[in-house]
Amino acid sequence: MEKILHLHIEKLPEGVYLATSESVQGLIAQGRTVAETLEIARDVARKLIEAQQEDELAALPTVNDAFDYPLIIGV
């Protein structure tokens, strides 16, 4: 089962990216690129959700057959 997790990503003055989420308490991920930050955030989210109660997972929306996804590309 796939769930949707909303992340907030910001570029820090040091040049790295920081991801946090209001959906999963304690989720903080940092990477050199947006892609790396997303990969780390995905792993951290999985571990936090597994460690926390099943209620946390139930509160996240389920991925439907259609959904919007912001695609970020470098040009």
PDB file of N, CA and C in Angstrom:
ATOM      1  N   MET A   1       0.842  -1.168   0.000  1.00  0.00           N
ATOM      2  CA  MET A   1       0.000   0.000   0.000  1.00  0.00           C
ATOM      3  C   MET A   1       0.897   1.244   0.000  1.00  0.00           C
ATOM      4  N   GLU A   2       0.570   2.186  -0.844  1.00  0.00           N
ATOM      5  CA  GLU A   2       1.344   3.422  -0.913  1.00  0.00           C
ATOM      6  C   GLU A   2       0.542   4.555  -0.296  1.00  0.00           C
ATOM      7  N   LYS A   3       1.218   5.404   0.434  1.00  0.00           N
ATOM      8  CA  LYS A   3       0.599   6.562   1.075  1.00  0.00           C
ATOM      9  C   LYS A   3       1.265   7.832   0.570  1.00  0.00           C
ATOM     10  N   ILE A   4       0.549   8.936   0.645  1.00  0.00           N
ATOM     11  CA  ILE A   4       1.078  10.231   0.224  1.00  0.00           C
ATOM     12  C   ILE A   4       1.590  10.980   1.450  1.00  0.00           C
ATOM     13  N   LEU A   5       2.801  11.466   1.346  1.00  0.00           N
ATOM     14  CA  LEU A   5       3.442  12.214   2.419  1.00  0.00           C
ATOM     15  C   LEU A   5       3.872  13.566   1.856  1.00  0.00           C
ATOM     16  N   HIS A   6       3.412  14.631   2.460  1.00  0.00           N
ATOM     17  CA  HIS A   6       3.768  15.965   1.984  1.00  0.00           C
ATOM     18  C   HIS A   6       5.042  16.441   2.677  1.00  0.00           C
ATOM     19  N   LEU A   7       6.001  16.871   1.870  1.00  0.00           N
ATOM     20  CA  LEU A   7       7.279  17.365   2.380  1.00  0.00           C
ATOM     21  C   LEU A   7       7.414  18.856   2.127  1.00  0.00           C
ATOM     22  N   HIS A   8       8.124  19.505   3.015  1.00  0.00           N
ATOM     23  CA  HIS A   8       8.535  20.900   2.813  1.00  0.00           C
ATOM     24  C   HIS A   8      10.044  20.862   2.603  1.00  0.00           C
ATOM     25  N   ILE A   9      10.498  21.377   1.465  1.00  0.00           N
ATOM     26  CA  ILE A   9      11.928  21.358   1.147  1.00  0.00           C
ATOM     27  C   ILE A   9      12.410  22.790   0.990  1.00  0.00           C
ATOM     28  N   GLU A  10      13.518  23.094   1.642  1.00  0.00           N
ATOM     29  CA  GLU A  10      14.095  24.432   1.502  1.00  0.00           C
ATOM     30  C   GLU A  10      15.607  24.328   1.321  1.00  0.00           C
ATOM     31  N   LYS A  11      16.140  25.276   0.573  1.00  0.00           N
ATOM     32  CA  LYS A  11      17.585  25.332   0.375  1.00  0.00           C
ATOM     33  C   LYS A  11      18.171  26.192   1.485  1.00  0.00           C
ATOM     34  N   LEU A  12      19.118  25.632   2.206  1.00  0.00           N
ATOM     35  CA  LEU A  12      19.745  26.348   3.313  1.00  0.00           C
ATOM     36  C   LEU A  12      20.894  27.208   2.803  1.00  0.00           C
ATOM     37  N   PRO A  13      21.291  28.228   3.566  1.00  0.00           N
ATOM     38  CA  PRO A  13      22.396  29.096   3.143  1.00  0.00           C
ATOM     39  C   PRO A  13      23.697  28.331   2.873  1.00  0.00           C
ATOM     40  N   GLU A  14      23.851  27.173   3.508  1.00  0.00           N
ATOM     41  CA  GLU A  14      25.055  26.372   3.316  1.00  0.00           C
ATOM     42  C   GLU A  14      25.062  25.665   1.962  1.00  0.00           C
ATOM     43  N   GLY A  15      23.947  25.750   1.226  1.00  0.00           N
ATOM     44  CA  GLY A  15      23.861  25.148  -0.094  1.00  0.00           C
ATOM     45  C   GLY A  15      23.261  23.759  -0.119  1.00  0.00           C
ATOM     46  N   VAL A  16      22.851  23.230   1.028  1.00  0.00           N
ATOM     47  CA  VAL A  16      22.216  21.911   1.088  1.00  0.00           C
ATOM     48  C   VAL A  16      20.702  22.089   1.192  1.00  0.00           C
ATOM     49  N   TYR A  17      19.972  21.007   0.968  1.00  0.00           N
ATOM     50  CA  TYR A  17      18.515  21.031   1.040  1.00  0.00           C
ATOM     51  C   TYR A  17      18.043  20.320   2.293  1.00  0.00           C
ATOM     52  N   LEU A  18      16.999  20.851   2.903  1.00  0.00           N
ATOM     53  CA  LEU A  18      16.430  20.296   4.127  1.00  0.00           C
ATOM     54  C   LEU A  18      14.970  19.965   3.879  1.00  0.00           C
ATOM     55  N   ALA A  19      14.586  18.741   4.200  1.00  0.00           N
ATOM     56  CA  ALA A  19      13.196  18.306   4.059  1.00  0.00           C
ATOM     57  C   ALA A  19      12.617  18.030   5.444  1.00  0.00           C
ATOM     58  N   THR A  20      11.404  18.532   5.673  1.00  0.00           N
ATOM     59  CA  THR A  20      10.659  18.265   6.896  1.00  0.00           C
ATOM     60  C   THR A  20       9.224  17.937   6.486  1.00  0.00           C
ATOM     61  N   SER A  21       8.459  17.402   7.428  1.00  0.00           N
ATOM     62  CA  SER A  21       7.080  17.063   7.121  1.00  0.00           C
ATOM     63  C   SER A  21       6.208  17.228   8.349  1.00  0.00           C
ATOM     64  N   GLU A  22       5.040  17.821   8.140  1.00  0.00           N
ATOM     65  CA  GLU A  22       4.058  17.892   9.219  1.00  0.00           C
ATOM     66  C   GLU A  22       3.263  16.587   9.300  1.00  0.00           C
ATOM     67  N   SER A  23       3.362  15.760   8.253  1.00  0.00           N
ATOM     68  CA  SER A  23       2.614  14.506   8.199  1.00  0.00           C
ATOM     69  C   SER A  23       3.212  13.429   9.101  1.00  0.00           C
ATOM     70  N   VAL A  24       4.546  13.420   9.232  1.00  0.00           N
ATOM     71  CA  VAL A  24       5.226  12.420  10.066  1.00  0.00           C
ATOM     72  C   VAL A  24       6.128  13.162  11.049  1.00  0.00           C
ATOM     73  N   GLN A  25       5.764  13.081  12.309  1.00  0.00           N
ATOM     74  CA  GLN A  25       6.507  13.769  13.347  1.00  0.00           C
ATOM     75  C   GLN A  25       7.941  13.267  13.405  1.00  0.00           C
ATOM     76  N   GLY A  26       8.902  14.207  13.423  1.00  0.00           N
ATOM     77  CA  GLY A  26      10.304  13.859  13.554  1.00  0.00           C
ATOM     78  C   GLY A  26      11.043  13.686  12.241  1.00  0.00           C
ATOM     79  N   LEU A  27      10.347  13.829  11.116  1.00  0.00           N
ATOM     80  CA  LEU A  27      11.011  13.632   9.828  1.00  0.00           C
ATOM     81  C   LEU A  27      11.860  14.851   9.483  1.00  0.00           C
ATOM     82  N   ILE A  28      13.150  14.627   9.391  1.00  0.00           N
ATOM     83  CA  ILE A  28      14.110  15.647   8.954  1.00  0.00           C
ATOM     84  C   ILE A  28      15.132  14.936   8.083  1.00  0.00           C
ATOM     85  N   ALA A  29      15.346  15.457   6.879  1.00  0.00           N
ATOM     86  CA  ALA A  29      16.326  14.864   5.970  1.00  0.00           C
ATOM     87  C   ALA A  29      17.104  15.979   5.289  1.00  0.00           C
ATOM     88  N   GLN A  30      18.383  15.746   5.072  1.00  0.00           N
ATOM     89  CA  GLN A  30      19.244  16.753   4.453  1.00  0.00           C
ATOM     90  C   GLN A  30      20.088  16.097   3.376  1.00  0.00           C
ATOM     91  N   GLY A  31      20.214  16.784   2.225  1.00  0.00           N
ATOM     92  CA  GLY A  31      21.020  16.253   1.140  1.00  0.00           C
ATOM     93  C   GLY A  31      21.642  17.359   0.313  1.00  0.00           C
ATOM     94  N   ARG A  32      22.586  16.970  -0.559  1.00  0.00           N
ATOM     95  CA  ARG A  32      23.270  17.947  -1.418  1.00  0.00           C
ATOM     96  C   ARG A  32      22.408  18.389  -2.593  1.00  0.00           C
ATOM     97  N   THR A  33      21.465  17.529  -3.017  1.00  0.00           N
ATOM     98  CA  THR A  33      20.553  17.858  -4.109  1.00  0.00           C
ATOM     99  C   THR A  33      19.126  17.570  -3.663  1.00  0.00           C
ATOM    100  N   VAL A  34      18.165  18.060  -4.434  1.00  0.00           N
ATOM    101  CA  VAL A  34      16.768  17.765  -4.116  1.00  0.00           C
ATOM    102  C   VAL A  34      16.523  16.259  -4.210  1.00  0.00           C
ATOM    103  N   ALA A  35      17.061  15.626  -5.270  1.00  0.00           N
ATOM    104  CA  ALA A  35      16.863  14.180  -5.452  1.00  0.00           C
ATOM    105  C   ALA A  35      17.428  13.389  -4.279  1.00  0.00           C
ATOM    106  N   GLU A  36      18.630  13.739  -3.848  1.00  0.00           N
ATOM    107  CA  GLU A  36      19.243  13.043  -2.714  1.00  0.00           C
ATOM    108  C   GLU A  36      18.419  13.264  -1.444  1.00  0.00           C
ATOM    109  N   THR A  37      17.935  14.471  -1.241  1.00  0.00           N
ATOM    110  CA  THR A  37      17.125  14.798  -0.072  1.00  0.00           C
ATOM    111  C   THR A  37      15.828  13.995  -0.071  1.00  0.00           C
ATOM    112  N   LEU A  38      15.192  13.860  -1.242  1.00  0.00           N
ATOM    113  CA  LEU A  38      13.964  13.071  -1.342  1.00  0.00           C
ATOM    114  C   LEU A  38      14.217  11.601  -1.040  1.00  0.00           C
ATOM    115  N   GLU A  39      15.317  11.073  -1.528  1.00  0.00           N
ATOM    116  CA  GLU A  39      15.662   9.674  -1.274  1.00  0.00           C
ATOM    117  C   GLU A  39      15.874   9.430   0.224  1.00  0.00           C
ATOM    118  N   ILE A  40      16.588  10.327   0.864  1.00  0.00           N
ATOM    119  CA  ILE A  40      16.834  10.205   2.304  1.00  0.00           C
ATOM    120  C   ILE A  40      15.530  10.354   3.077  1.00  0.00           C
ATOM    121  N   ALA A  41      14.706  11.328   2.679  1.00  0.00           N
ATOM    122  CA  ALA A  41      13.418  11.557   3.352  1.00  0.00           C
ATOM    123  C   ALA A  41      12.521  10.329   3.245  1.00  0.00           C
ATOM    124  N   ARG A  42      12.525   9.663   2.094  1.00  0.00           N
ATOM    125  CA  ARG A  42      11.715   8.452   1.906  1.00  0.00           C
ATOM    126  C   ARG A  42      12.160   7.366   2.888  1.00  0.00           C
ATOM    127  N   ASP A  43      13.457   7.176   3.030  1.00  0.00           N
ATOM    128  CA  ASP A  43      13.971   6.159   3.950  1.00  0.00           C
ATOM    129  C   ASP A  43      13.655   6.507   5.404  1.00  0.00           C
ATOM    130  N   VAL A  44      13.845   7.770   5.760  1.00  0.00           N
ATOM    131  CA  VAL A  44      13.568   8.217   7.132  1.00  0.00           C
ATOM    132  C   VAL A  44      12.082   8.064   7.441  1.00  0.00           C
ATOM    133  N   ALA A  45      11.226   8.440   6.498  1.00  0.00           N
ATOM    134  CA  ALA A  45       9.778   8.333   6.706  1.00  0.00           C
ATOM    135  C   ALA A  45       9.373   6.883   6.952  1.00  0.00           C
ATOM    136  N   ARG A  46       9.904   5.976   6.142  1.00  0.00           N
ATOM    137  CA  ARG A  46       9.594   4.549   6.325  1.00  0.00           C
ATOM    138  C   ARG A  46       9.963   4.073   7.724  1.00  0.00           C
ATOM    139  N   LYS A  47      11.153   4.424   8.156  1.00  0.00           N
ATOM    140  CA  LYS A  47      11.619   3.985   9.474  1.00  0.00           C
ATOM    141  C   LYS A  47      10.797   4.602  10.596  1.00  0.00           C
ATOM    142  N   LEU A  48      10.456   5.889  10.470  1.00  0.00           N
ATOM    143  CA  LEU A  48       9.656   6.544  11.502  1.00  0.00           C
ATOM    144  C   LEU A  48       8.252   5.956  11.573  1.00  0.00           C
ATOM    145  N   ILE A  49       7.652   5.719  10.417  1.00  0.00           N
ATOM    146  CA  ILE A  49       6.298   5.161  10.395  1.00  0.00           C
ATOM    147  C   ILE A  49       6.291   3.750  10.982  1.00  0.00           C
ATOM    148  N   GLU A  50       7.310   2.959  10.667  1.00  0.00           N
ATOM    149  CA  GLU A  50       7.401   1.607  11.236  1.00  0.00           C
ATOM    150  C   GLU A  50       7.553   1.657  12.752  1.00  0.00           C
ATOM    151  N   ALA A  51       8.317   2.646  13.238  1.00  0.00           N
ATOM    152  CA  ALA A  51       8.575   2.750  14.673  1.00  0.00           C
ATOM    153  C   ALA A  51       7.390   3.347  15.435  1.00  0.00           C
ATOM    154  N   GLN A  52       6.582   4.138  14.756  1.00  0.00           N
ATOM    155  CA  GLN A  52       5.454   4.786  15.416  1.00  0.00           C
ATOM    156  C   GLN A  52       4.222   3.911  15.307  1.00  0.00           C
ATOM    157  N   GLN A  53       3.166   4.370  15.899  1.00  0.00           N
ATOM    158  CA  GLN A  53       1.932   3.594  15.928  1.00  0.00           C
ATOM    159  C   GLN A  53       1.338   3.467  14.535  1.00  0.00           C
ATOM    160  N   GLU A  54       0.528   2.450  14.346  1.00  0.00           N
ATOM    161  CA  GLU A  54      -0.174   2.241  13.079  1.00  0.00           C
ATOM    162  C   GLU A  54      -1.142   3.392  12.793  1.00  0.00           C
ATOM    163  N   ASP A  55      -1.558   4.124  13.827  1.00  0.00           N
ATOM    164  CA  ASP A  55      -2.456   5.273  13.639  1.00  0.00           C
ATOM    165  C   ASP A  55      -1.816   6.317  12.731  1.00  0.00           C
ATOM    166  N   GLU A  56      -0.512   6.484  12.840  1.00  0.00           N
ATOM    167  CA  GLU A  56       0.214   7.456  12.023  1.00  0.00           C
ATOM    168  C   GLU A  56       0.091   7.097  10.543  1.00  0.00           C
ATOM    169  N   LEU A  57       0.251   5.827  10.221  1.00  0.00           N
ATOM    170  CA  LEU A  57       0.147   5.375   8.839  1.00  0.00           C
ATOM    171  C   LEU A  57      -1.283   5.522   8.329  1.00  0.00           C
ATOM    172  N   ALA A  58      -2.247   5.222   9.162  1.00  0.00           N
ATOM    173  CA  ALA A  58      -3.656   5.319   8.754  1.00  0.00           C
ATOM    174  C   ALA A  58      -4.055   6.760   8.468  1.00  0.00           C
ATOM    175  N   ALA A  59      -3.400   7.715   9.112  1.00  0.00           N
ATOM    176  CA  ALA A  59      -3.746   9.123   8.928  1.00  0.00           C
ATOM    177  C   ALA A  59      -3.266   9.679   7.589  1.00  0.00           C
ATOM    178  N   LEU A  60      -2.294   9.026   6.959  1.00  0.00           N
ATOM    179  CA  LEU A  60      -1.790   9.499   5.668  1.00  0.00           C
ATOM    180  C   LEU A  60      -2.743   9.096   4.558  1.00  0.00           C
ATOM    181  N   PRO A  61      -2.973   9.987   3.585  1.00  0.00           N
ATOM    182  CA  PRO A  61      -3.856   9.622   2.478  1.00  0.00           C
ATOM    183  C   PRO A  61      -3.253   8.526   1.602  1.00  0.00           C
ATOM    184  N   THR A  62      -4.113   7.678   1.067  1.00  0.00           N
ATOM    185  CA  THR A  62      -3.692   6.598   0.185  1.00  0.00           C
ATOM    186  C   THR A  62      -3.527   7.134  -1.236  1.00  0.00           C
ATOM    187  N   VAL A  63      -2.554   6.588  -1.965  1.00  0.00           N
ATOM    188  CA  VAL A  63      -2.349   6.979  -3.353  1.00  0.00           C
ATOM    189  C   VAL A  63      -3.489   6.400  -4.190  1.00  0.00           C
ATOM    190  N   ASN A  64      -4.159   7.268  -4.925  1.00  0.00           N
ATOM    191  CA  ASN A  64      -5.249   6.850  -5.804  1.00  0.00           C
ATOM    192  C   ASN A  64      -4.713   6.560  -7.204  1.00  0.00           C
ATOM    193  N   ASP A  65      -5.600   6.224  -8.108  1.00  0.00           N
ATOM    194  CA  ASP A  65      -5.197   5.945  -9.477  1.00  0.00           C
ATOM    195  C   ASP A  65      -4.658   7.188 -10.184  1.00  0.00           C
ATOM    196  N   ALA A  66      -5.048   8.367  -9.725  1.00  0.00           N
ATOM    197  CA  ALA A  66      -4.563   9.620 -10.315  1.00  0.00           C
ATOM    198  C   ALA A  66      -4.250  10.600  -9.193  1.00  0.00           C
ATOM    199  N   PHE A  67      -3.126  11.295  -9.328  1.00  0.00           N
ATOM    200  CA  PHE A  67      -2.751  12.307  -8.343  1.00  0.00           C
ATOM    201  C   PHE A  67      -1.776  13.276  -8.991  1.00  0.00           C
ATOM    202  N   ASP A  68      -1.638  14.466  -8.406  1.00  0.00           N
ATOM    203  CA  ASP A  68      -0.710  15.473  -8.904  1.00  0.00           C
ATOM    204  C   ASP A  68       0.663  15.274  -8.280  1.00  0.00           C
ATOM    205  N   TYR A  69       1.695  15.474  -9.081  1.00  0.00           N
ATOM    206  CA  TYR A  69       3.068  15.326  -8.599  1.00  0.00           C
ATOM    207  C   TYR A  69       3.914  16.427  -9.224  1.00  0.00           C
ATOM    208  N   PRO A  70       4.534  17.264  -8.397  1.00  0.00           N
ATOM    209  CA  PRO A  70       5.382  18.319  -8.959  1.00  0.00           C
ATOM    210  C   PRO A  70       6.721  17.732  -9.432  1.00  0.00           C
ATOM    211  N   LEU A  71       6.981  17.806 -10.705  1.00  0.00           N
ATOM    212  CA  LEU A  71       8.229  17.297 -11.269  1.00  0.00           C
ATOM    213  C   LEU A  71       9.221  18.435 -11.375  1.00  0.00           C
ATOM    214  N   ILE A  72      10.374  18.261 -10.736  1.00  0.00           N
ATOM    215  CA  ILE A  72      11.401  19.295 -10.733  1.00  0.00           C
ATOM    216  C   ILE A  72      12.525  18.855 -11.672  1.00  0.00           C
ATOM    217  N   ILE A  73      12.865  19.717 -12.626  1.00  0.00           N
ATOM    218  CA  ILE A  73      13.931  19.386 -13.572  1.00  0.00           C
ATOM    219  C   ILE A  73      14.945  20.511 -13.607  1.00  0.00           C
ATOM    220  N   GLY A  74      16.181  20.181 -13.788  1.00  0.00           N
ATOM    221  CA  GLY A  74      17.223  21.185 -13.949  1.00  0.00           C
ATOM    222  C   GLY A  74      17.348  21.544 -15.423  1.00  0.00           C
ATOM    223  N   VAL A  75      17.456  22.833 -15.701  1.00  0.00           N
ATOM    224  CA  VAL A  75      17.607  23.276 -17.099  1.00  0.00           C
ATOM    225  C   VAL A  75      18.828  24.156 -17.247  1.00  0.00           C
TER     226      VAL A  75
END
